[in-house]
Amino acid sequence: MIEVLAQAPEQLAGITGDLKSIKAGLGCLGAAIGVGIVGMKAAEAVGRNPDASGQILVQSIIGMALAEAVAFYSIFL
Protein backbone atom coordinates (compact mmCIF):
# COMPACT_ATOMS: atom_id res chain seq x y z
CA MET A 1 0.00 0.00 0.00
CA ILE A 2 2.82 2.40 0.82
CA GLU A 3 4.44 1.77 -2.57
CA VAL A 4 1.21 2.71 -4.32
CA LEU A 5 0.98 5.94 -2.33
CA ALA A 6 4.61 6.72 -3.12
CA GLN A 7 3.92 6.46 -6.86
CA ALA A 8 0.85 8.73 -6.74
CA PRO A 9 2.70 12.08 -7.12
CA GLU A 10 4.46 10.84 -10.26
CA GLN A 11 1.17 9.74 -11.81
CA LEU A 12 -0.53 13.02 -10.92
CA ALA A 13 2.32 14.99 -12.50
CA GLY A 14 1.67 13.21 -15.79
CA ILE A 15 -2.05 13.94 -15.62
CA THR A 16 -1.56 17.65 -14.94
CA GLY A 17 0.82 17.87 -17.90
CA ASP A 18 -1.83 16.32 -20.13
CA LEU A 19 -4.47 18.72 -18.81
CA LYS A 20 -2.24 21.68 -19.63
CA SER A 21 -1.94 20.45 -23.20
CA ILE A 22 -5.71 20.08 -23.49
CA LYS A 23 -6.20 23.56 -22.03
CA ALA A 24 -3.77 25.08 -24.52
CA GLY A 25 -5.37 23.26 -27.43
CA LEU A 26 -8.89 24.36 -26.52
CA GLY A 27 -7.71 27.93 -25.99
CA CYS A 28 -6.06 28.02 -29.41
CA LEU A 29 -9.13 26.48 -31.01
CA GLY A 30 -11.32 29.16 -29.46
CA ALA A 31 -8.97 31.89 -30.67
CA ALA A 32 -8.98 30.47 -34.19
CA ILE A 33 -12.78 30.42 -34.24
CA GLY A 34 -12.84 34.01 -32.94
CA VAL A 35 -10.43 35.22 -35.62
CA GLY A 36 -12.51 33.49 -38.27
CA ILE A 37 -15.69 35.14 -37.07
CA VAL A 38 -14.04 38.57 -36.99
CA GLY A 39 -12.73 38.09 -40.52
CA MET A 40 -16.12 36.91 -41.76
CA LYS A 41 -17.95 39.87 -40.27
CA ALA A 42 -15.32 42.32 -41.55
CA ALA A 43 -15.73 40.96 -45.07
CA GLU A 44 -19.51 41.29 -44.78
CA ALA A 45 -19.19 44.87 -43.53
CA VAL A 46 -16.87 45.87 -46.39
CA GLY A 47 -19.29 44.27 -48.82
CA ARG A 48 -22.12 46.39 -47.45
CA ASN A 49 -20.16 49.65 -47.20
CA PRO A 50 -16.94 49.71 -49.26
CA ASP A 51 -16.24 53.35 -48.38
CA ALA A 52 -15.67 52.43 -44.72
CA SER A 53 -13.12 49.71 -45.49
CA GLY A 54 -10.27 51.59 -43.78
CA GLN A 55 -12.11 51.88 -40.47
CA ILE A 56 -13.38 48.32 -40.71
CA LEU A 57 -9.85 47.05 -41.37
CA VAL A 58 -8.46 48.79 -38.29
CA GLN A 59 -11.25 47.54 -36.04
CA SER A 60 -10.99 43.99 -37.37
CA ILE A 61 -7.22 43.90 -36.82
CA ILE A 62 -7.74 45.04 -33.23
CA GLY A 63 -10.43 42.38 -32.75
CA MET A 64 -8.19 39.68 -34.18
CA ALA A 65 -5.31 40.75 -31.94
CA LEU A 66 -7.54 40.47 -28.89
CA ALA A 67 -8.70 37.02 -29.98
CA GLU A 68 -5.09 35.91 -30.50
CA ALA A 69 -4.23 37.16 -27.01
CA VAL A 70 -6.56 34.49 -25.65
CA ALA A 71 -4.46 31.85 -27.40
CA PHE A 72 -1.26 33.19 -25.85
CA TYR A 73 -2.86 33.30 -22.41
CA SER A 74 -3.98 29.69 -22.72
CA ILE A 75 -0.54 28.53 -23.85
CA PHE A 76 1.59 30.41 -21.34
CA LEU A 77 -0.61 30.42 -18.24
PDB file of N, CA and C in Angstrom:
ATOM      1  N   MET A   1       0.826  -1.197   0.000  1.00  0.00           N
ATOM      2  CA  MET A   1       0.000   0.000   0.000  1.00  0.00           C
ATOM      3  C   MET A   1       0.866   1.254   0.000  1.00  0.00           C
ATOM      4  N   ILE A   2       1.947   1.228   0.747  1.00  0.00           N
ATOM      5  CA  ILE A   2       2.822   2.399   0.822  1.00  0.00           C
ATOM      6  C   ILE A   2       3.482   2.654  -0.528  1.00  0.00           C
ATOM      7  N   GLU A   3       3.827   1.578  -1.253  1.00  0.00           N
ATOM      8  CA  GLU A   3       4.441   1.767  -2.568  1.00  0.00           C
ATOM      9  C   GLU A   3       3.481   2.451  -3.537  1.00  0.00           C
ATOM     10  N   VAL A   4       2.214   2.096  -3.448  1.00  0.00           N
ATOM     11  CA  VAL A   4       1.212   2.713  -4.322  1.00  0.00           C
ATOM     12  C   VAL A   4       1.085   4.197  -4.001  1.00  0.00           C
ATOM     13  N   LEU A   5       1.060   4.539  -2.724  1.00  0.00           N
ATOM     14  CA  LEU A   5       0.977   5.940  -2.330  1.00  0.00           C
ATOM     15  C   LEU A   5       2.231   6.710  -2.733  1.00  0.00           C
ATOM     16  N   ALA A   6       3.373   6.050  -2.728  1.00  0.00           N
ATOM     17  CA  ALA A   6       4.611   6.715  -3.118  1.00  0.00           C
ATOM     18  C   ALA A   6       4.631   7.025  -4.612  1.00  0.00           C
ATOM     19  N   GLN A   7       3.939   6.233  -5.416  1.00  0.00           N
ATOM     20  CA  GLN A   7       3.915   6.460  -6.860  1.00  0.00           C
ATOM     21  C   GLN A   7       2.851   7.476  -7.277  1.00  0.00           C
ATOM     22  N   ALA A   8       1.952   7.834  -6.392  1.00  0.00           N
ATOM     23  CA  ALA A   8       0.846   8.732  -6.740  1.00  0.00           C
ATOM     24  C   ALA A   8       1.309  10.104  -7.234  1.00  0.00           C
ATOM     25  N   PRO A   9       2.288  10.765  -6.606  1.00  0.00           N
ATOM     26  CA  PRO A   9       2.695  12.083  -7.124  1.00  0.00           C
ATOM     27  C   PRO A   9       3.233  12.024  -8.552  1.00  0.00           C
ATOM     28  N   GLU A  10       3.940  10.963  -8.899  1.00  0.00           N
ATOM     29  CA  GLU A  10       4.461  10.836 -10.262  1.00  0.00           C
ATOM     30  C   GLU A  10       3.318  10.691 -11.264  1.00  0.00           C
ATOM     31  N   GLN A  11       2.306   9.925 -10.906  1.00  0.00           N
ATOM     32  CA  GLN A  11       1.173   9.741 -11.810  1.00  0.00           C
ATOM     33  C   GLN A  11       0.360  11.027 -11.945  1.00  0.00           C
ATOM     34  N   LEU A  12       0.204  11.759 -10.855  1.00  0.00           N
ATOM     35  CA  LEU A  12      -0.531  13.022 -10.917  1.00  0.00           C
ATOM     36  C   LEU A  12       0.215  14.059 -11.741  1.00  0.00           C
ATOM     37  N   ALA A  13       1.537  14.041 -11.700  1.00  0.00           N
ATOM     38  CA  ALA A  13       2.316  14.986 -12.502  1.00  0.00           C
ATOM     39  C   ALA A  13       2.073  14.752 -13.985  1.00  0.00           C
ATOM     40  N   GLY A  14       1.959  13.510 -14.394  1.00  0.00           N
ATOM     41  CA  GLY A  14       1.670  13.211 -15.793  1.00  0.00           C
ATOM     42  C   GLY A  14       0.288  13.669 -16.207  1.00  0.00           C
ATOM     43  N   ILE A  15      -0.674  13.524 -15.310  1.00  0.00           N
ATOM     44  CA  ILE A  15      -2.049  13.935 -15.619  1.00  0.00           C
ATOM     45  C   ILE A  15      -2.138  15.451 -15.748  1.00  0.00           C
ATOM     46  N   THR A  16      -1.486  16.189 -14.855  1.00  0.00           N
ATOM     47  CA  THR A  16      -1.562  17.648 -14.942  1.00  0.00           C
ATOM     48  C   THR A  16      -0.871  18.154 -16.195  1.00  0.00           C
ATOM     49  N   GLY A  17       0.181  17.485 -16.640  1.00  0.00           N
ATOM     50  CA  GLY A  17       0.815  17.870 -17.899  1.00  0.00           C
ATOM     51  C   GLY A  17      -0.113  17.671 -19.073  1.00  0.00           C
ATOM     52  N   ASP A  18      -0.865  16.574 -19.065  1.00  0.00           N
ATOM     53  CA  ASP A  18      -1.833  16.322 -20.134  1.00  0.00           C
ATOM     54  C   ASP A  18      -2.961  17.349 -20.113  1.00  0.00           C
ATOM     55  N   LEU A  19      -3.400  17.729 -18.917  1.00  0.00           N
ATOM     56  CA  LEU A  19      -4.470  18.719 -18.815  1.00  0.00           C
ATOM     57  C   LEU A  19      -4.020  20.079 -19.328  1.00  0.00           C
ATOM     58  N   LYS A  20      -2.750  20.415 -19.106  1.00  0.00           N
ATOM     59  CA  LYS A  20      -2.236  21.683 -19.631  1.00  0.00           C
ATOM     60  C   LYS A  20      -2.240  21.679 -21.154  1.00  0.00           C
ATOM     61  N   SER A  21      -1.931  20.543 -21.737  1.00  0.00           N
ATOM     62  CA  SER A  21      -1.944  20.452 -23.202  1.00  0.00           C
ATOM     63  C   SER A  21      -3.365  20.588 -23.743  1.00  0.00           C
ATOM     64  N   ILE A  22      -4.315  19.972 -23.065  1.00  0.00           N
ATOM     65  CA  ILE A  22      -5.712  20.078 -23.495  1.00  0.00           C
ATOM     66  C   ILE A  22      -6.191  21.518 -23.354  1.00  0.00           C
ATOM     67  N   LYS A  23      -5.818  22.163 -22.253  1.00  0.00           N
ATOM     68  CA  LYS A  23      -6.204  23.559 -22.031  1.00  0.00           C
ATOM     69  C   LYS A  23      -5.640  24.460 -23.122  1.00  0.00           C
ATOM     70  N   ALA A  24      -4.382  24.266 -23.470  1.00  0.00           N
ATOM     71  CA  ALA A  24      -3.768  25.084 -24.518  1.00  0.00           C
ATOM     72  C   ALA A  24      -4.420  24.825 -25.868  1.00  0.00           C
ATOM     73  N   GLY A  25      -4.724  23.578 -26.152  1.00  0.00           N
ATOM     74  CA  GLY A  25      -5.365  23.257 -27.426  1.00  0.00           C
ATOM     75  C   GLY A  25      -6.748  23.861 -27.549  1.00  0.00           C
ATOM     76  N   LEU A  26      -7.544  23.779 -26.487  1.00  0.00           N
ATOM     77  CA  LEU A  26      -8.887  24.362 -26.524  1.00  0.00           C
ATOM     78  C   LEU A  26      -8.831  25.883 -26.608  1.00  0.00           C
ATOM     79  N   GLY A  27      -7.861  26.478 -25.916  1.00  0.00           N
ATOM     80  CA  GLY A  27      -7.709  27.933 -25.991  1.00  0.00           C
ATOM     81  C   GLY A  27      -7.341  28.395 -27.386  1.00  0.00           C
ATOM     82  N   CYS A  28      -6.449  27.669 -28.030  1.00  0.00           N
ATOM     83  CA  CYS A  28      -6.060  28.019 -29.406  1.00  0.00           C
ATOM     84  C   CYS A  28      -7.205  27.777 -30.377  1.00  0.00           C
ATOM     85  N   LEU A  29      -7.975  26.747 -30.151  1.00  0.00           N
ATOM     86  CA  LEU A  29      -9.131  26.483 -31.006  1.00  0.00           C
ATOM     87  C   LEU A  29     -10.153  27.611 -30.883  1.00  0.00           C
ATOM     88  N   GLY A  30     -10.396  28.052 -29.671  1.00  0.00           N
ATOM     89  CA  GLY A  30     -11.321  29.164 -29.465  1.00  0.00           C
ATOM     90  C   GLY A  30     -10.834  30.444 -30.117  1.00  0.00           C
ATOM     91  N   ALA A  31      -9.529  30.698 -30.031  1.00  0.00           N
ATOM     92  CA  ALA A  31      -8.974  31.891 -30.669  1.00  0.00           C
ATOM     93  C   ALA A  31      -9.098  31.806 -32.181  1.00  0.00           C
ATOM     94  N   ALA A  32      -8.868  30.633 -32.739  1.00  0.00           N
ATOM     95  CA  ALA A  32      -8.984  30.467 -34.190  1.00  0.00           C
ATOM     96  C   ALA A  32     -10.423  30.694 -34.652  1.00  0.00           C
ATOM     97  N   ILE A  33     -11.371  30.198 -33.893  1.00  0.00           N
ATOM     98  CA  ILE A  33     -12.780  30.425 -34.235  1.00  0.00           C
ATOM     99  C   ILE A  33     -13.111  31.914 -34.136  1.00  0.00           C
ATOM    100  N   GLY A  34     -12.597  32.573 -33.098  1.00  0.00           N
ATOM    101  CA  GLY A  34     -12.836  34.009 -32.936  1.00  0.00           C
ATOM    102  C   GLY A  34     -12.261  34.826 -34.073  1.00  0.00           C
ATOM    103  N   VAL A  35     -11.045  34.505 -34.502  1.00  0.00           N
ATOM    104  CA  VAL A  35     -10.429  35.223 -35.620  1.00  0.00           C
ATOM    105  C   VAL A  35     -11.229  34.988 -36.900  1.00  0.00           C
ATOM    106  N   GLY A  36     -11.700  33.775 -37.093  1.00  0.00           N
ATOM    107  CA  GLY A  36     -12.511  33.486 -38.274  1.00  0.00           C
ATOM    108  C   GLY A  36     -13.807  34.268 -38.292  1.00  0.00           C
ATOM    109  N   ILE A  37     -14.440  34.379 -37.146  1.00  0.00           N
ATOM    110  CA  ILE A  37     -15.694  35.136 -37.070  1.00  0.00           C
ATOM    111  C   ILE A  37     -15.442  36.619 -37.328  1.00  0.00           C
ATOM    112  N   VAL A  38     -14.359  37.159 -36.753  1.00  0.00           N
ATOM    113  CA  VAL A  38     -14.037  38.571 -36.985  1.00  0.00           C
ATOM    114  C   VAL A  38     -13.772  38.818 -38.464  1.00  0.00           C
ATOM    115  N   GLY A  39     -13.008  37.931 -39.095  1.00  0.00           N
ATOM    116  CA  GLY A  39     -12.730  38.087 -40.523  1.00  0.00           C
ATOM    117  C   GLY A  39     -13.986  37.996 -41.370  1.00  0.00           C
ATOM    118  N   MET A  40     -14.867  37.074 -41.015  1.00  0.00           N
ATOM    119  CA  MET A  40     -16.116  36.913 -41.758  1.00  0.00           C
ATOM    120  C   MET A  40     -16.977  38.169 -41.659  1.00  0.00           C
ATOM    121  N   LYS A  41     -17.118  38.681 -40.456  1.00  0.00           N
ATOM    122  CA  LYS A  41     -17.952  39.867 -40.266  1.00  0.00           C
ATOM    123  C   LYS A  41     -17.319  41.103 -40.900  1.00  0.00           C
ATOM    124  N   ALA A  42     -15.988  41.189 -40.895  1.00  0.00           N
ATOM    125  CA  ALA A  42     -15.323  42.320 -41.551  1.00  0.00           C
ATOM    126  C   ALA A  42     -15.552  42.271 -43.054  1.00  0.00           C
ATOM    127  N   ALA A  43     -15.473  41.090 -43.634  1.00  0.00           N
ATOM    128  CA  ALA A  43     -15.725  40.963 -45.073  1.00  0.00           C
ATOM    129  C   ALA A  43     -17.170  41.326 -45.410  1.00  0.00           C
ATOM    130  N   GLU A  44     -18.107  40.918 -44.564  1.00  0.00           N
ATOM    131  CA  GLU A  44     -19.508  41.291 -44.777  1.00  0.00           C
ATOM    132  C   GLU A  44     -19.694  42.803 -44.694  1.00  0.00           C
ATOM    133  N   ALA A  45     -19.035  43.423 -43.720  1.00  0.00           N
ATOM    134  CA  ALA A  45     -19.186  44.865 -43.533  1.00  0.00           C
ATOM    135  C   ALA A  45     -18.598  45.639 -44.708  1.00  0.00           C
ATOM    136  N   VAL A  46     -17.464  45.202 -45.223  1.00  0.00           N
ATOM    137  CA  VAL A  46     -16.868  45.867 -46.386  1.00  0.00           C
ATOM    138  C   VAL A  46     -17.753  45.664 -47.608  1.00  0.00           C
ATOM    139  N   GLY A  47     -18.373  44.516 -47.720  1.00  0.00           N
ATOM    140  CA  GLY A  47     -19.290  44.275 -48.825  1.00  0.00           C
ATOM    141  C   GLY A  47     -20.499  45.188 -48.783  1.00  0.00           C
ATOM    142  N   ARG A  48     -20.965  45.508 -47.589  1.00  0.00           N
ATOM    143  CA  ARG A  48     -22.125  46.392 -47.452  1.00  0.00           C
ATOM    144  C   ARG A  48     -21.758  47.858 -47.663  1.00  0.00           C
ATOM    145  N   ASN A  49     -20.567  48.244 -47.150  1.00  0.00           N
ATOM    146  CA  ASN A  49     -20.164  49.652 -47.201  1.00  0.00           C
ATOM    147  C   ASN A  49     -18.685  49.735 -47.567  1.00  0.00           C
ATOM    148  N   PRO A  50     -18.346  49.697 -48.847  1.00  0.00           N
ATOM    149  CA  PRO A  50     -16.939  49.706 -49.260  1.00  0.00           C
ATOM    150  C   PRO A  50     -16.194  50.986 -48.895  1.00  0.00           C
ATOM    151  N   ASP A  51     -16.903  52.088 -48.723  1.00  0.00           N
ATOM    152  CA  ASP A  51     -16.236  53.347 -48.381  1.00  0.00           C
ATOM    153  C   ASP A  51     -15.643  53.327 -46.975  1.00  0.00           C
ATOM    154  N   ALA A  52     -16.158  52.494 -46.104  1.00  0.00           N
ATOM    155  CA  ALA A  52     -15.672  52.426 -44.723  1.00  0.00           C
ATOM    156  C   ALA A  52     -14.645  51.319 -44.531  1.00  0.00           C
ATOM    157  N   SER A  53     -14.034  50.862 -45.608  1.00  0.00           N
ATOM    158  CA  SER A  53     -13.122  49.712 -45.492  1.00  0.00           C
ATOM    159  C   SER A  53     -11.909  50.009 -44.621  1.00  0.00           C
ATOM    160  N   GLY A  54     -11.426  51.246 -44.617  1.00  0.00           N
ATOM    161  CA  GLY A  54     -10.273  51.586 -43.776  1.00  0.00           C
ATOM    162  C   GLY A  54     -10.583  51.443 -42.295  1.00  0.00           C
ATOM    163  N   GLN A  55     -11.712  51.979 -41.880  1.00  0.00           N
ATOM    164  CA  GLN A  55     -12.108  51.878 -40.474  1.00  0.00           C
ATOM    165  C   GLN A  55     -12.412  50.437 -40.092  1.00  0.00           C
ATOM    166  N   ILE A  56     -13.046  49.724 -40.988  1.00  0.00           N
ATOM    167  CA  ILE A  56     -13.376  48.319 -40.709  1.00  0.00           C
ATOM    168  C   ILE A  56     -12.108  47.495 -40.572  1.00  0.00           C
ATOM    169  N   LEU A  57     -11.115  47.774 -41.431  1.00  0.00           N
ATOM    170  CA  LEU A  57      -9.850  47.046 -41.366  1.00  0.00           C
ATOM    171  C   LEU A  57      -9.169  47.255 -40.027  1.00  0.00           C
ATOM    172  N   VAL A  58      -9.112  48.498 -39.570  1.00  0.00           N
ATOM    173  CA  VAL A  58      -8.462  48.795 -38.289  1.00  0.00           C
ATOM    174  C   VAL A  58      -9.181  48.086 -37.149  1.00  0.00           C
ATOM    175  N   GLN A  59     -10.490  48.169 -37.126  1.00  0.00           N
ATOM    176  CA  GLN A  59     -11.245  47.541 -36.044  1.00  0.00           C
ATOM    177  C   GLN A  59     -11.142  46.020 -36.086  1.00  0.00           C
ATOM    178  N   SER A  60     -11.101  45.455 -37.286  1.00  0.00           N
ATOM    179  CA  SER A  60     -10.993  43.994 -37.371  1.00  0.00           C
ATOM    180  C   SER A  60      -9.607  43.518 -36.955  1.00  0.00           C
ATOM    181  N   ILE A  61      -8.566  44.285 -37.266  1.00  0.00           N
ATOM    182  CA  ILE A  61      -7.218  43.904 -36.824  1.00  0.00           C
ATOM    183  C   ILE A  61      -7.134  43.950 -35.304  1.00  0.00           C
ATOM    184  N   ILE A  62      -7.729  44.964 -34.692  1.00  0.00           N
ATOM    185  CA  ILE A  62      -7.739  45.038 -33.227  1.00  0.00           C
ATOM    186  C   ILE A  62      -8.512  43.860 -32.640  1.00  0.00           C
ATOM    187  N   GLY A  63      -9.645  43.529 -33.227  1.00  0.00           N
ATOM    188  CA  GLY A  63     -10.428  42.381 -32.748  1.00  0.00           C
ATOM    189  C   GLY A  63      -9.680  41.072 -32.884  1.00  0.00           C
ATOM    190  N   MET A  64      -8.973  40.903 -33.996  1.00  0.00           N
ATOM    191  CA  MET A  64      -8.192  39.678 -34.182  1.00  0.00           C
ATOM    192  C   MET A  64      -7.035  39.604 -33.196  1.00  0.00           C
ATOM    193  N   ALA A  65      -6.411  40.744 -32.912  1.00  0.00           N
ATOM    194  CA  ALA A  65      -5.315  40.753 -31.943  1.00  0.00           C
ATOM    195  C   ALA A  65      -5.814  40.364 -30.557  1.00  0.00           C
ATOM    196  N   LEU A  66      -6.985  40.848 -30.185  1.00  0.00           N
ATOM    197  CA  LEU A  66      -7.545  40.474 -28.886  1.00  0.00           C
ATOM    198  C   LEU A  66      -7.897  38.993 -28.839  1.00  0.00           C
ATOM    199  N   ALA A  67      -8.383  38.453 -29.939  1.00  0.00           N
ATOM    200  CA  ALA A  67      -8.699  37.023 -29.980  1.00  0.00           C
ATOM    201  C   ALA A  67      -7.428  36.186 -29.911  1.00  0.00           C
ATOM    202  N   GLU A  68      -6.358  36.641 -30.560  1.00  0.00           N
ATOM    203  CA  GLU A  68      -5.094  35.910 -30.504  1.00  0.00           C
ATOM    204  C   GLU A  68      -4.478  35.978 -29.112  1.00  0.00           C
ATOM    205  N   ALA A  69      -4.749  37.052 -28.376  1.00  0.00           N
ATOM    206  CA  ALA A  69      -4.230  37.158 -27.015  1.00  0.00           C
ATOM    207  C   ALA A  69      -4.765  36.026 -26.145  1.00  0.00           C
ATOM    208  N   VAL A  70      -5.983  35.608 -26.396  1.00  0.00           N
ATOM    209  CA  VAL A  70      -6.559  34.485 -25.647  1.00  0.00           C
ATOM    210  C   VAL A  70      -5.736  33.225 -25.876  1.00  0.00           C
ATOM    211  N   ALA A  71      -5.280  33.025 -27.103  1.00  0.00           N
ATOM    212  CA  ALA A  71      -4.457  31.850 -27.398  1.00  0.00           C
ATOM    213  C   ALA A  71      -3.147  31.908 -26.629  1.00  0.00           C
ATOM    214  N   PHE A  72      -2.520  33.069 -26.589  1.00  0.00           N
ATOM    215  CA  PHE A  72      -1.263  33.191 -25.851  1.00  0.00           C
ATOM    216  C   PHE A  72      -1.473  32.992 -24.355  1.00  0.00           C
ATOM    217  N   TYR A  73      -2.579  33.509 -23.822  1.00  0.00           N
ATOM    218  CA  TYR A  73      -2.864  33.297 -22.407  1.00  0.00           C
ATOM    219  C   TYR A  73      -3.048  31.812 -22.106  1.00  0.00           C
ATOM    220  N   SER A  74      -3.730  31.112 -22.980  1.00  0.00           N
ATOM    221  CA  SER A  74      -3.979  29.691 -22.718  1.00  0.00           C
ATOM    222  C   SER A  74      -2.709  28.864 -22.846  1.00  0.00           C
ATOM    223  N   ILE A  75      -1.790  29.282 -23.697  1.00  0.00           N
ATOM    224  CA  ILE A  75      -0.541  28.530 -23.854  1.00  0.00           C
ATOM    225  C   ILE A  75       0.401  28.786 -22.686  1.00  0.00           C
ATOM    226  N   PHE A  76       0.556  30.056 -22.304  1.00  0.00           N
ATOM    227  CA  PHE A  76       1.592  30.407 -21.341  1.00  0.00           C
ATOM    228  C   PHE A  76       1.129  30.423 -19.897  1.00  0.00           C
ATOM    229  N   LEU A  77      -0.159  30.399 -19.645  1.00  0.00           N
ATOM    230  CA  LEU A  77      -0.610  30.423 -18.242  1.00  0.00           C
ATOM    231  C   LEU A  77      -1.122  29.084 -17.800  1.00  0.00           C
TER     232      LEU A  77
END
